[in-house]
Amino acid sequence: MKQIIISKQDFTRIHKAIKDAKLRNAIKKEDAEKLLHELHSAKVVEPEDIPADLVTMNSVVKIHFQNNKTVTEFKIVYPDQANIKEHKISIFSPVASALIGYSVNDEIDWIVPSGMTKIIIDEIIYQPEAAGDFDL
């Protein structure tokens, strides 16, 4: 498995969101532990050092599923900003937490009802760090 890269800002904010959600019982313990494990195994860098083709918080990403070629586009947000109608997906969702820290053309193994497939990151339509938006 590839080591993911995450900004210090995203690391701190995701960690706080998990802690807050655990206090409110708004996240399953196993989901929290999995996301925390991902965070703690990531390479943490300054926001300015984030590659432009990397999925970060507030990124708008275009992906497809290898098994059925379904293409989807959404923004990865913090739980309080999630809104499926606006295509804003919480970092606590399995698909968002699987993508964070990965790059364009990366393939992530994914279990769907019909079995194993891969999510392929096709494009980062918007990434805050690449746009110089370090305060989102």
Protein backbone atom coordinates (compact mmCIF):
# COMPACT_ATOMS: atom_id res chain seq x y z
CA MET A 1 0.00 0.00 0.00
CA LYS A 2 1.25 3.45 -0.94
CA GLN A 3 2.00 5.93 1.84
CA ILE A 4 -0.51 8.75 1.64
CA ILE A 5 0.43 12.42 1.99
CA ILE A 6 -1.64 14.90 3.97
CA SER A 7 -1.20 18.53 4.98
CA LYS A 8 -0.62 19.47 8.62
CA GLN A 9 -3.82 21.51 8.49
CA ASP A 10 -5.93 18.60 7.17
CA PHE A 11 -4.31 16.21 9.67
CA THR A 12 -5.19 18.48 12.61
CA ARG A 13 -8.73 19.25 11.44
CA ILE A 14 -9.62 15.63 10.56
CA HIS A 15 -8.23 14.47 13.90
CA LYS A 16 -10.39 17.06 15.71
CA ALA A 17 -13.46 16.11 13.65
CA ILE A 18 -12.99 12.46 14.62
CA LYS A 19 -12.55 13.34 18.30
CA ASP A 20 -15.68 15.53 18.27
CA ALA A 21 -17.70 12.89 16.41
CA LYS A 22 -16.65 10.20 18.88
CA LEU A 23 -17.84 12.39 21.79
CA ARG A 24 -21.24 12.76 20.07
CA ASN A 25 -21.37 9.10 19.00
CA ALA A 26 -21.61 10.38 15.42
CA ILE A 27 -19.03 7.94 14.05
CA LYS A 28 -18.69 4.20 14.48
CA LYS A 29 -15.71 3.23 16.61
CA GLU A 30 -14.26 1.00 13.89
CA ASP A 31 -14.62 3.75 11.25
CA ALA A 32 -12.91 6.24 13.57
CA GLU A 33 -10.06 3.81 14.27
CA LYS A 34 -9.56 3.06 10.58
CA LEU A 35 -9.42 6.75 9.66
CA LEU A 36 -7.08 7.49 12.60
CA HIS A 37 -4.81 4.66 11.47
CA GLU A 38 -4.69 6.15 7.96
CA LEU A 39 -3.89 9.58 9.40
CA HIS A 40 -1.11 8.33 11.63
CA SER A 41 0.52 6.33 8.85
CA ALA A 42 0.45 9.30 6.45
CA LYS A 43 3.35 11.57 5.59
CA VAL A 44 2.37 14.98 7.03
CA VAL A 45 3.66 18.04 5.14
CA GLU A 46 3.13 21.78 5.00
CA PRO A 47 0.15 22.80 2.82
CA GLU A 48 2.52 24.56 0.41
CA ASP A 49 4.30 21.23 -0.16
CA ILE A 50 1.18 19.30 -1.23
CA PRO A 51 1.43 18.07 -4.85
CA ALA A 52 -1.27 19.57 -7.11
CA ASP A 53 -2.54 16.11 -8.17
CA LEU A 54 -3.26 14.91 -4.61
CA VAL A 55 -6.73 14.55 -3.04
CA THR A 56 -7.02 16.82 0.01
CA MET A 57 -9.87 18.16 2.09
CA ASN A 58 -12.15 20.44 0.07
CA SER A 59 -10.86 18.94 -3.19
CA VAL A 60 -13.33 18.33 -5.99
CA VAL A 61 -12.46 14.94 -7.46
CA LYS A 62 -13.63 12.92 -10.44
CA ILE A 63 -13.37 9.15 -10.04
CA HIS A 64 -14.63 6.01 -11.72
CA PHE A 65 -15.24 2.48 -10.55
CA GLN A 66 -13.39 -0.11 -12.59
CA ASN A 67 -16.10 -2.79 -12.31
CA ASN A 68 -18.88 -0.79 -13.97
CA LYS A 69 -17.16 2.33 -15.33
CA THR A 70 -19.48 4.56 -13.28
CA VAL A 71 -18.04 8.08 -13.15
CA THR A 72 -18.80 10.44 -10.30
CA GLU A 73 -17.62 13.82 -9.12
CA PHE A 74 -17.81 15.27 -5.61
CA LYS A 75 -16.17 17.53 -3.05
CA ILE A 76 -14.62 16.03 0.10
CA VAL A 77 -15.76 18.07 3.12
CA TYR A 78 -15.95 17.95 6.90
CA PRO A 79 -19.07 16.24 8.30
CA ASP A 80 -20.93 19.47 9.12
CA GLN A 81 -20.65 20.59 5.48
CA ALA A 82 -21.79 17.32 3.89
CA ASN A 83 -24.73 17.62 1.49
CA ILE A 84 -25.34 14.85 -1.03
CA LYS A 85 -27.56 17.08 -3.21
CA GLU A 86 -24.63 19.48 -3.60
CA HIS A 87 -22.20 16.59 -4.20
CA LYS A 88 -20.39 17.31 -0.91
CA ILE A 89 -19.26 14.06 0.71
CA SER A 90 -18.10 13.82 4.33
CA ILE A 91 -14.54 12.71 5.06
CA PHE A 92 -16.23 10.13 7.33
CA SER A 93 -17.82 8.42 4.32
CA PRO A 94 -15.95 5.30 3.22
CA VAL A 95 -15.28 6.61 -0.30
CA ALA A 96 -13.90 9.97 0.87
CA SER A 97 -11.70 8.47 3.56
CA ALA A 98 -10.40 5.97 1.00
CA LEU A 99 -9.40 8.74 -1.43
CA ILE A 100 -7.80 11.33 0.84
CA GLY A 101 -4.06 11.53 0.32
CA TYR A 102 -4.02 9.66 -2.99
CA SER A 103 -3.13 11.07 -6.41
CA VAL A 104 -4.56 11.23 -9.91
CA ASN A 105 -4.36 7.80 -11.62
CA ASP A 106 -4.03 5.96 -8.29
CA GLU A 107 -6.16 2.84 -7.95
CA ILE A 108 -7.74 2.05 -4.59
CA ASP A 109 -9.14 -1.41 -3.86
CA TRP A 110 -12.79 -1.17 -2.93
CA ILE A 111 -15.39 -3.70 -1.81
CA VAL A 112 -18.82 -3.34 -3.40
CA PRO A 113 -21.84 -5.64 -3.04
CA SER A 114 -20.74 -7.60 -6.11
CA GLY A 115 -17.19 -8.06 -4.80
CA MET A 116 -13.86 -6.30 -5.13
CA THR A 117 -13.32 -3.45 -7.56
CA LYS A 118 -11.00 -0.49 -7.87
CA ILE A 119 -11.66 3.21 -7.60
CA ILE A 120 -9.53 5.16 -10.06
CA ILE A 121 -8.88 8.86 -9.47
CA ASP A 122 -9.34 10.46 -12.89
CA GLU A 123 -8.96 14.14 -12.12
CA ILE A 124 -8.66 16.73 -9.37
CA ILE A 125 -10.96 19.46 -10.63
CA TYR A 126 -10.14 21.75 -7.71
CA GLN A 127 -7.59 21.43 -4.92
CA PRO A 128 -7.32 24.24 -2.34
CA GLU A 129 -3.55 23.99 -1.93
CA ALA A 130 -2.91 24.17 -5.68
CA ALA A 131 -5.20 27.21 -5.87
CA GLY A 132 -3.42 28.88 -2.95
CA ASP A 133 -6.54 28.59 -0.76
CA PHE A 134 -4.83 27.56 2.47
CA ASP A 135 -7.60 28.76 4.82
CA LEU A 136 -10.46 26.46 3.76
